[in-house]
Amino acid sequence: MGIALIWSIITVLVRWIFSKRRGAISYDSSDQTALYIRMLDVRVRSQVGFEPDRRGSHPYLGVDFRTLHSRAESAGSIPARRIRRLFSFQRHLLSSRLLRGAPHLNTLHILDEDYCGQAKCMLEKVGTWNFDIFLFDRLTNGNSLVFLTFHLLNQYGLIELFQLDMVKVRQFLVLVQEDYRNQNPYHNAVHAADVTQAMHCYLREPKLAQSLTSFDILLGLLAAATHDLDHPGVNQPFLIKTNHYLAALYRNTSVLENHHWRSAVGLLRETDLFSHLPAEDSLGIERQLGSLILATDISRQNEYLSRFRTHLDENSLCLGHSSHRHFSLQMALKCADICNPCRPWELSKQWSEKVTEEFFHQGDIEKKHKLEISPLCDSEANTIASVQIGFMTYVVEPLFAEWARFSDTRLSQTMLGHLGLNKASWSAMEPEASGSSEEGESEPTRATEEPSSRALSQGSQES
């Protein structure tokens, strides 16, 4: 009797999903490019005991990416964070109802009693480079991406200017946040919120602030919020060598970035966020959003950096042209995506530990299934310090050096200053084989680094 009831409930749920979310993948007849509208909501299937979809996956590798980085929990227990998120979602629904038909709105008032005080104060200083996204996420019960992005959209006047339905905006941002896999140590909604906050800082830089249109700003914020949407917590080579269906769908080219873009498009269409605009305009938004997100593909770093350097060498970057403004947005998003080493040490160190944990976890999976271990993912051959030093030297420093040429401001110098200090701190933790004790090394490092970090943090405050 109980089993029959469960299957009845499952049937109703599946029918409801199909009625609300139509087909997973469609193809544009003009170019046969895969348009990833939105995967069938596997979260429902996972909660009722279905096996994860393994289309095209490695025959010896049955990895459920939804639980790849999750930690085991005691049977029957419900995580406190999940309970807080459920209550927070109820507040989203309540506030959305209150927003219907409301006149001009101050977004700070969207924060109900549970979010007053420190969270309010933090949003008022969202343009400072030492903004602590980890603290803000705790103060908002894990909803940092929703509240920060909504606040910025309203602060720039974009909701009113583009006549966006605030309930749809709210719904879109909640779905975006929920579609990030927060069991990932690094590629989660907090990372997306951090990138969005960094993008806001760059949009305020004089060279961009004087040139960008409201449409450019809207695209920049949406791209930052969705740039890693539904990231599986593994990299592209992992998806390719395990014959994952996403790798086949996107022909092993910018697999993750294409997936993030198509997932974002799916949510835009699901919430009808731009349905009031002419079809040509909404399609244009989707295409340009994709162009920004695809630019974050780290394998194309040299391509974008060389083009950026050439523009600067020839002084040929004219922000009066829409294509050049768009390129500057691409570079800004690339900087925001990997700006963690340029943050103050207290924040940068946390991000470094999280991304390395995700790398090493992937390496452990590859070892377990006797696959070739991806670079930087072998915990036995690498340390957090060695990974970070290499990343800073070969990826971050070249990019931010050119960004400082493009936008030679106080913020750029602050970022380069933090980058140098953080690299020195990691270098001090990575001694050559010597008999020095960790205790003897760590104290002098902290003593020499913290005053300088504090000075840089104070210097990065924006009025």
Protein backbone atom coordinates (compact mmCIF):
# COMPACT_ATOMS: atom_id res chain seq x y z
CA MET A 1 0.00 0.00 0.00
CA GLY A 2 2.82 2.34 0.95
CA ILE A 3 4.76 1.57 -2.24
CA ALA A 4 1.70 2.24 -4.40
CA LEU A 5 1.25 5.63 -2.74
CA ILE A 6 4.90 6.53 -3.32
CA TRP A 7 4.68 5.64 -7.01
CA SER A 8 1.49 7.68 -7.33
CA ILE A 9 3.27 10.68 -5.87
CA ILE A 10 6.25 10.12 -8.19
CA THR A 11 3.94 9.95 -11.21
CA VAL A 12 2.27 13.22 -10.25
CA LEU A 13 5.65 14.91 -9.73
CA VAL A 14 7.00 13.75 -13.09
CA ARG A 15 3.85 14.87 -14.90
CA TRP A 16 4.07 18.24 -13.18
CA ILE A 17 7.71 18.64 -14.21
CA PHE A 18 6.91 17.86 -17.83
CA SER A 19 3.99 20.28 -17.79
CA LYS A 20 6.16 23.08 -16.37
CA ARG A 21 9.47 22.42 -18.07
CA ARG A 22 9.36 21.29 -21.63
CA GLY A 23 12.03 19.21 -23.36
CA ALA A 24 15.63 19.15 -22.20
CA ILE A 25 17.47 19.97 -25.41
CA SER A 26 16.35 21.66 -28.60
CA TYR A 27 18.23 22.42 -31.79
CA ASP A 28 18.14 25.58 -33.78
CA SER A 29 17.25 24.54 -37.32
CA SER A 30 19.42 27.28 -38.83
CA ASP A 31 22.76 26.04 -37.53
CA GLN A 32 21.99 22.85 -35.58
CA THR A 33 23.75 24.34 -32.55
CA ALA A 34 22.66 22.62 -29.39
CA LEU A 35 20.54 24.92 -27.26
CA TYR A 36 20.60 23.61 -23.75
CA ILE A 37 17.28 24.96 -22.49
CA ARG A 38 17.16 23.27 -19.11
CA MET A 39 17.75 19.75 -17.91
CA LEU A 40 14.80 17.90 -16.47
CA ASP A 41 14.89 18.63 -12.76
CA VAL A 42 16.93 15.67 -11.47
CA ARG A 43 16.70 16.96 -7.92
CA VAL A 44 13.22 15.45 -7.65
CA ARG A 45 14.46 12.10 -8.96
CA SER A 46 17.38 12.05 -6.55
CA GLN A 47 15.10 12.65 -3.57
CA VAL A 48 12.78 9.79 -4.47
CA GLY A 49 15.55 7.30 -5.16
CA PHE A 50 16.11 7.38 -8.90
CA GLU A 51 19.54 6.59 -10.28
CA PRO A 52 21.40 9.59 -11.72
CA ASP A 53 21.37 10.00 -15.47
CA ARG A 54 24.53 8.45 -16.92
CA ARG A 55 24.08 9.00 -20.64
CA GLY A 56 27.40 8.59 -22.36
CA SER A 57 29.34 8.42 -19.13
CA HIS A 58 32.50 6.39 -18.64
CA PRO A 59 31.55 2.68 -18.37
CA TYR A 60 33.61 2.30 -15.20
CA LEU A 61 32.75 5.67 -13.72
CA GLY A 62 29.27 6.03 -12.24
CA VAL A 63 29.80 9.44 -10.66
CA ASP A 64 26.77 11.42 -9.57
CA PHE A 65 28.00 15.00 -9.93
CA ARG A 66 25.19 16.23 -7.69
CA THR A 67 26.80 14.47 -4.72
CA LEU A 68 30.44 14.49 -5.82
CA HIS A 69 31.58 16.93 -3.16
CA SER A 70 28.87 16.33 -0.54
CA ARG A 71 29.84 15.16 2.91
CA ALA A 72 28.23 12.17 4.56
CA GLU A 73 25.55 13.00 7.11
CA SER A 74 23.99 10.93 9.82
CA ALA A 75 20.89 9.02 8.85
CA GLY A 76 17.65 10.85 9.42
CA SER A 77 19.30 14.18 10.11
CA ILE A 78 18.37 17.34 8.22
CA PRO A 79 21.24 19.82 7.90
CA ALA A 80 20.63 23.07 9.73
CA ARG A 81 21.76 24.99 6.63
CA ARG A 82 19.05 23.31 4.55
CA ILE A 83 16.41 24.26 7.10
CA ARG A 84 17.64 27.86 7.08
CA ARG A 85 17.52 27.90 3.28
CA LEU A 86 13.95 26.59 3.28
CA PHE A 87 12.88 29.34 5.64
CA SER A 88 14.78 31.86 3.55
CA PHE A 89 12.96 30.67 0.42
CA GLN A 90 9.66 31.21 2.20
CA ARG A 91 10.80 34.77 2.84
CA HIS A 92 11.59 35.10 -0.87
CA LEU A 93 8.02 34.15 -1.71
CA LEU A 94 6.57 36.47 0.93
CA SER A 95 8.65 39.44 -0.15
CA SER A 96 7.80 38.74 -3.79
CA ARG A 97 4.10 39.00 -3.00
CA LEU A 98 4.68 42.26 -1.18
CA LEU A 99 6.55 43.61 -4.19
CA ARG A 100 3.60 43.25 -6.55
CA GLY A 101 2.39 46.67 -7.59
CA ALA A 102 4.82 48.40 -5.25
CA PRO A 103 6.07 51.85 -6.26
CA HIS A 104 9.76 52.83 -6.12
CA LEU A 105 11.56 50.36 -3.87
CA ASN A 106 14.67 50.62 -1.76
CA THR A 107 16.22 47.13 -1.97
CA LEU A 108 17.55 47.37 1.56
CA HIS A 109 13.94 47.09 2.73
CA ILE A 110 13.69 43.67 1.05
CA LEU A 111 15.81 42.34 3.91
CA ASP A 112 13.34 41.33 6.59
CA GLU A 113 14.02 41.34 10.32
CA ASP A 114 16.46 38.43 10.10
CA TYR A 115 18.65 40.38 7.68
CA CYS A 116 18.73 43.78 9.34
CA GLY A 117 21.78 45.28 10.96
CA GLN A 118 25.10 44.01 9.63
CA ALA A 119 23.76 42.70 6.31
CA LYS A 120 22.22 46.11 5.61
CA CYS A 121 25.47 47.87 6.42
CA MET A 122 27.42 45.50 4.20
CA LEU A 123 25.18 46.18 1.20
CA GLU A 124 25.76 49.89 1.70
CA LYS A 125 29.50 49.20 1.26
CA VAL A 126 29.20 46.70 -1.56
CA GLY A 127 31.64 48.70 -3.69
CA THR A 128 34.64 48.16 -1.39
CA TRP A 129 37.32 45.71 -2.48
CA ASN A 130 37.63 44.08 0.96
CA PHE A 131 33.93 43.14 0.96
CA ASP A 132 33.66 39.88 2.91
CA ILE A 133 31.33 37.70 0.86
CA PHE A 134 31.66 34.83 3.34
CA LEU A 135 30.31 36.97 6.16
CA PHE A 136 27.56 38.37 3.96
CA ASP A 137 26.53 34.85 2.98
CA ARG A 138 26.25 33.87 6.64
CA LEU A 139 24.27 36.99 7.48
CA THR A 140 21.79 36.23 4.68
CA ASN A 141 21.39 32.54 5.55
CA GLY A 142 23.12 31.37 2.39
CA ASN A 143 21.31 33.77 0.06
CA SER A 144 24.16 36.14 -0.78
CA LEU A 145 23.78 35.79 -4.55
CA VAL A 146 20.08 36.66 -4.54
CA PHE A 147 20.29 39.69 -2.28
CA LEU A 148 23.53 41.11 -3.65
CA THR A 149 22.52 40.84 -7.31
CA PHE A 150 19.02 42.21 -6.70
CA HIS A 151 20.50 45.11 -4.76
CA LEU A 152 22.92 45.94 -7.58
CA LEU A 153 20.26 45.70 -10.30
CA ASN A 154 18.14 48.16 -8.36
CA GLN A 155 21.07 50.40 -7.40
CA TYR A 156 21.96 50.89 -11.06
CA GLY A 157 18.30 51.63 -11.83
CA LEU A 158 18.10 48.68 -14.22
CA ILE A 159 14.83 47.24 -12.93
CA GLU A 160 12.99 50.50 -13.55
CA LEU A 161 14.83 51.39 -16.77
CA PHE A 162 14.16 48.03 -18.47
CA GLN A 163 10.71 47.74 -16.87
CA LEU A 164 11.54 44.40 -15.33
CA ASP A 165 8.91 42.64 -13.25
CA MET A 166 10.45 42.52 -9.77
CA VAL A 167 8.71 39.24 -8.99
CA LYS A 168 10.24 37.68 -12.10
CA VAL A 169 13.64 39.12 -11.22
CA ARG A 170 13.32 37.63 -7.76
CA GLN A 171 12.23 34.27 -9.14
CA PHE A 172 15.08 34.24 -11.66
CA LEU A 173 17.73 34.98 -9.03
CA VAL A 174 16.35 32.37 -6.62
CA LEU A 175 16.46 29.73 -9.38
CA VAL A 176 19.99 30.78 -10.35
CA GLN A 177 21.16 30.45 -6.75
CA GLU A 178 19.45 27.09 -6.32
CA ASP A 179 21.01 25.76 -9.53
CA TYR A 180 24.53 26.31 -8.23
CA ARG A 181 25.73 23.13 -6.53
CA ASN A 182 26.61 24.39 -3.09
CA GLN A 183 28.19 21.08 -2.13
CA ASN A 184 31.06 22.15 -4.40
CA PRO A 185 33.80 23.64 -2.22
CA TYR A 186 34.54 26.40 -4.75
CA HIS A 187 32.23 26.54 -7.76
CA ASN A 188 29.07 27.44 -5.86
CA ALA A 189 26.67 30.35 -5.37
CA VAL A 190 29.03 32.15 -2.99
CA HIS A 191 31.70 32.22 -5.70
CA ALA A 192 29.10 33.62 -8.12
CA ALA A 193 28.18 36.32 -5.59
CA ASP A 194 31.86 37.16 -5.10
CA VAL A 195 32.41 37.49 -8.86
CA THR A 196 29.29 39.67 -9.14
CA GLN A 197 30.58 41.96 -6.38
CA ALA A 198 33.99 42.20 -8.10
CA MET A 199 32.27 42.97 -11.41
CA HIS A 200 30.43 45.80 -9.68
CA CYS A 201 33.77 47.22 -8.51
CA TYR A 202 35.13 47.12 -12.06
CA LEU A 203 31.98 48.68 -13.54
CA ARG A 204 32.55 51.65 -11.25
CA GLU A 205 36.07 52.26 -12.50
CA PRO A 206 36.17 55.68 -14.25
CA LYS A 207 37.11 54.39 -17.70
CA LEU A 208 34.15 51.99 -17.77
CA ALA A 209 31.68 54.08 -15.77
CA GLN A 210 32.02 56.92 -18.29
CA SER A 211 31.52 54.66 -21.31
CA LEU A 212 29.26 51.73 -20.53
CA THR A 213 25.55 51.91 -21.28
CA SER A 214 22.85 50.62 -18.95
CA PHE A 215 22.46 47.66 -21.29
CA ASP A 216 26.18 46.86 -20.90
CA ILE A 217 25.87 47.00 -17.11
CA LEU A 218 22.82 44.72 -17.14
CA LEU A 219 24.69 42.17 -19.25
CA GLY A 220 27.78 42.39 -17.04
CA LEU A 221 25.88 41.73 -13.82
CA LEU A 222 23.80 38.88 -15.27
CA ALA A 223 26.89 37.25 -16.78
CA ALA A 224 28.75 37.48 -13.47
CA ALA A 225 25.84 35.94 -11.55
CA THR A 226 25.40 33.03 -13.99
CA HIS A 227 28.94 32.48 -15.30
CA ASP A 228 29.40 29.12 -13.49
CA LEU A 229 25.76 28.04 -13.32
CA ASP A 230 25.29 24.33 -12.53
CA HIS A 231 29.05 23.73 -12.42
CA PRO A 232 29.59 20.00 -11.73
CA GLY A 233 32.71 20.53 -9.61
CA VAL A 234 35.05 18.92 -12.16
CA ASN A 235 36.91 20.42 -15.11
CA GLN A 236 36.49 20.01 -18.86
CA PRO A 237 39.21 17.35 -19.33
CA PHE A 238 37.42 15.20 -16.76
CA LEU A 239 34.14 15.44 -18.69
CA ILE A 240 35.90 14.63 -21.96
CA LYS A 241 37.84 11.59 -20.78
CA THR A 242 34.78 10.15 -19.05
CA ASN A 243 32.72 10.60 -22.26
CA HIS A 244 30.19 12.75 -20.44
CA TYR A 245 27.19 13.68 -22.57
CA LEU A 246 27.89 17.41 -22.11
CA ALA A 247 31.28 16.94 -23.76
CA ALA A 248 29.59 15.22 -26.70
CA LEU A 249 26.85 17.86 -26.87
CA TYR A 250 29.34 20.72 -27.12
CA ARG A 251 31.93 18.77 -29.14
CA ASN A 252 34.64 19.05 -26.47
CA THR A 253 34.78 22.84 -26.93
CA SER A 254 34.21 25.20 -23.98
CA VAL A 255 32.04 22.46 -22.54
CA LEU A 256 31.45 23.97 -19.11
CA GLU A 257 31.06 27.54 -20.37
CA ASN A 258 28.51 26.46 -22.98
CA HIS A 259 26.65 24.57 -20.28
CA HIS A 260 26.62 27.60 -17.96
CA TRP A 261 25.36 29.82 -20.77
CA ARG A 262 22.61 27.47 -21.94
CA SER A 263 21.51 26.91 -18.34
CA ALA A 264 21.25 30.67 -17.86
CA VAL A 265 19.23 31.00 -21.07
CA GLY A 266 16.92 28.25 -19.81
CA LEU A 267 16.22 30.17 -16.62
CA LEU A 268 15.67 33.44 -18.48
CA ARG A 269 13.07 31.72 -20.63
CA GLU A 270 11.54 29.77 -17.78
CA THR A 271 10.90 32.95 -15.78
CA ASP A 272 10.00 35.06 -18.85
CA LEU A 273 12.27 37.76 -17.48
CA PHE A 274 12.57 39.52 -20.85
CA SER A 275 9.28 38.36 -22.37
CA HIS A 276 8.03 41.97 -22.50
CA LEU A 277 10.85 42.91 -24.87
CA PRO A 278 10.75 42.35 -28.64
CA ALA A 279 11.89 38.84 -29.53
CA GLU A 280 14.92 40.20 -31.40
CA ASP A 281 16.06 42.10 -28.30
CA SER A 282 15.68 39.15 -25.95
CA LEU A 283 17.60 36.91 -28.35
CA GLY A 284 20.29 39.57 -28.56
CA ILE A 285 20.59 39.55 -24.76
CA GLU A 286 20.98 35.77 -24.78
CA ARG A 287 23.69 35.87 -27.47
CA GLN A 288 25.71 38.61 -25.78
CA LEU A 289 25.32 36.89 -22.42
CA GLY A 290 26.82 33.81 -24.02
CA SER A 291 29.69 35.79 -25.49
CA LEU A 292 30.59 37.07 -22.00
CA ILE A 293 30.33 33.68 -20.29
CA LEU A 294 32.29 31.90 -23.02
CA ALA A 295 35.12 34.40 -22.49
CA THR A 296 35.74 32.88 -19.04
CA ASP A 297 37.08 29.68 -20.63
CA ILE A 298 40.57 29.52 -19.11
CA SER A 299 41.85 27.53 -22.09
CA ARG A 300 41.34 30.66 -24.21
CA GLN A 301 43.19 32.90 -21.78
CA ASN A 302 46.13 33.64 -24.09
CA GLU A 303 43.81 34.44 -26.98
CA TYR A 304 41.97 37.14 -25.05
CA LEU A 305 45.08 38.42 -23.30
CA SER A 306 47.00 38.81 -26.59
CA ARG A 307 44.11 40.73 -28.14
CA PHE A 308 43.84 42.94 -25.05
CA ARG A 309 47.59 43.63 -25.04
CA THR A 310 47.55 44.50 -28.75
CA HIS A 311 44.74 47.01 -28.21
CA LEU A 312 46.67 48.63 -25.38
CA ASP A 313 49.95 48.69 -27.30
CA GLU A 314 48.29 50.32 -30.30
CA ASN A 315 45.96 52.49 -28.22
CA SER A 316 43.15 51.21 -30.42
CA LEU A 317 40.52 50.39 -27.79
CA CYS A 318 37.70 52.86 -28.41
CA LEU A 319 34.91 52.45 -25.86
CA GLY A 320 32.62 54.53 -28.03
CA HIS A 321 32.21 51.43 -30.21
CA SER A 322 29.81 48.81 -28.90
CA SER A 323 32.10 45.93 -29.89
CA HIS A 324 35.00 47.43 -27.94
CA ARG A 325 32.79 48.04 -24.90
CA HIS A 326 31.70 44.43 -25.08
CA PHE A 327 35.32 43.29 -25.24
CA SER A 328 36.14 45.39 -22.18
CA LEU A 329 33.23 43.67 -20.40
CA GLN A 330 34.67 40.29 -21.36
CA MET A 331 38.02 41.26 -19.86
CA ALA A 332 36.34 42.64 -16.74
CA LEU A 333 34.46 39.37 -16.25
CA LYS A 334 37.66 37.37 -16.78
CA CYS A 335 39.34 39.46 -14.08
CA ALA A 336 36.38 39.12 -11.71
CA ASP A 337 36.33 35.35 -12.21
CA ILE A 338 39.93 34.86 -11.06
CA CYS A 339 40.37 37.86 -8.76
CA ASN A 340 40.66 35.81 -5.55
CA PRO A 341 44.48 36.09 -5.40
CA CYS A 342 44.03 39.89 -5.56
CA ARG A 343 41.78 40.02 -2.49
CA PRO A 344 43.06 40.69 1.04
CA TRP A 345 44.86 37.67 2.50
CA GLU A 346 42.06 36.71 4.91
CA LEU A 347 39.67 36.29 1.97
CA SER A 348 42.14 35.09 -0.64
CA LYS A 349 43.44 32.27 1.55
CA GLN A 350 39.94 30.88 2.07
CA TRP A 351 39.27 30.83 -1.67
CA SER A 352 42.63 29.18 -2.35
CA GLU A 353 41.87 26.40 0.10
CA LYS A 354 38.43 25.84 -1.37
CA VAL A 355 39.49 25.64 -5.01
CA THR A 356 42.40 23.33 -4.17
CA GLU A 357 40.08 21.08 -2.18
CA GLU A 358 37.88 20.78 -5.27
CA PHE A 359 40.90 20.03 -7.48
CA PHE A 360 42.24 17.37 -5.13
CA HIS A 361 38.83 15.74 -4.79
CA GLN A 362 38.67 15.37 -8.56
CA GLY A 363 42.17 13.86 -8.50
CA ASP A 364 41.07 11.35 -5.88
CA ILE A 365 38.16 10.30 -8.09
CA GLU A 366 40.50 9.92 -11.05
CA LYS A 367 42.89 7.78 -8.99
CA LYS A 368 40.06 5.63 -7.73
CA HIS A 369 38.90 4.85 -11.27
CA LYS A 370 42.42 4.55 -12.70
CA LEU A 371 42.11 7.58 -14.95
CA GLU A 372 44.94 9.93 -15.84
CA ILE A 373 45.15 12.51 -13.06
CA SER A 374 44.49 16.04 -14.30
CA PRO A 375 47.14 18.73 -13.75
CA LEU A 376 46.98 20.36 -10.29
CA CYS A 377 44.62 17.64 -9.05
CA ASP A 378 47.16 15.24 -7.54
CA SER A 379 47.28 15.89 -3.80
CA GLU A 380 50.45 13.81 -3.49
CA ALA A 381 52.39 15.85 -6.07
CA ASN A 382 50.99 19.29 -5.25
CA THR A 383 50.29 21.50 -2.26
CA ILE A 384 47.91 24.41 -1.89
CA ALA A 385 50.90 26.75 -1.95
CA SER A 386 52.44 25.28 -5.12
CA VAL A 387 49.10 25.35 -6.95
CA GLN A 388 48.50 28.97 -5.99
CA ILE A 389 52.01 30.17 -6.81
CA GLY A 390 51.81 28.65 -10.29
CA PHE A 391 48.32 30.05 -10.88
CA MET A 392 49.33 33.52 -9.77
CA THR A 393 52.53 33.52 -11.82
CA TYR A 394 51.22 32.21 -15.14
CA VAL A 395 47.55 33.24 -15.17
CA VAL A 396 46.68 36.00 -12.70
CA GLU A 397 49.71 38.30 -12.87
CA PRO A 398 49.76 38.66 -16.69
CA LEU A 399 46.03 39.41 -16.81
CA PHE A 400 45.97 41.97 -14.01
CA ALA A 401 49.14 43.66 -15.24
CA GLU A 402 47.34 44.41 -18.52
CA TRP A 403 44.16 45.39 -16.68
CA ALA A 404 46.20 47.93 -14.68
CA ARG A 405 47.46 49.37 -17.99
CA PHE A 406 43.87 49.67 -19.18
CA SER A 407 42.54 51.07 -15.90
CA ASP A 408 45.38 52.63 -13.96
CA THR A 409 43.47 53.43 -10.78
CA ARG A 410 43.79 53.07 -7.05
CA LEU A 411 41.82 49.83 -7.18
CA SER A 412 44.16 48.32 -9.79
CA GLN A 413 47.21 49.16 -7.71
CA THR A 414 45.50 47.74 -4.61
CA MET A 415 44.80 44.47 -6.40
CA LEU A 416 48.39 44.17 -7.63
CA GLY A 417 49.61 44.93 -4.12
CA HIS A 418 47.50 42.19 -2.58
CA LEU A 419 48.59 39.82 -5.34
CA GLY A 420 52.25 40.37 -4.51
CA LEU A 421 51.73 39.97 -0.78
CA ASN A 422 49.62 36.84 -1.18
CA LYS A 423 52.15 35.25 -3.51
CA ALA A 424 54.91 35.99 -0.99
CA SER A 425 52.82 34.45 1.79
CA TRP A 426 52.28 31.24 -0.17
CA SER A 427 55.97 31.14 -1.11
CA ALA A 428 56.88 31.31 2.57
CA MET A 429 54.67 28.25 3.17
CA GLU A 430 56.39 26.30 0.38
CA PRO A 431 60.00 25.93 1.57
CA GLU A 432 62.51 23.78 -0.27
CA ALA A 433 63.15 20.51 1.52
CA SER A 434 64.49 21.79 4.80
CA GLY A 435 64.28 20.94 8.44
CA SER A 436 62.51 24.16 9.41
CA SER A 437 59.48 23.59 11.56
CA GLU A 438 56.10 24.92 10.48
CA GLU A 439 55.74 26.82 13.73
CA GLY A 440 58.97 28.69 13.20
CA GLU A 441 57.93 29.74 9.69
CA SER A 442 54.31 30.69 10.16
CA GLU A 443 54.69 33.28 12.90
CA PRO A 444 57.20 35.53 11.10
CA THR A 445 55.10 35.28 7.96
CA ARG A 446 51.99 36.51 9.71
CA ALA A 447 53.92 39.21 11.50
CA THR A 448 55.33 40.65 8.31
CA GLU A 449 52.28 40.24 6.12
CA GLU A 450 49.31 41.38 8.16
CA PRO A 451 50.23 45.06 8.63
CA SER A 452 50.76 45.45 4.88
CA SER A 453 47.51 43.63 4.13
CA ARG A 454 45.62 45.91 6.48
CA ALA A 455 47.18 48.95 4.86
CA LEU A 456 46.14 47.76 1.41
CA SER A 457 42.63 47.00 2.64
CA GLN A 458 42.28 50.52 3.97
CA GLY A 459 43.67 51.93 0.75
CA SER A 460 41.07 50.04 -1.29
CA GLN A 461 38.06 51.65 0.42
CA GLU A 462 35.94 53.48 -2.13
CA SER A 463 33.89 56.52 -1.28
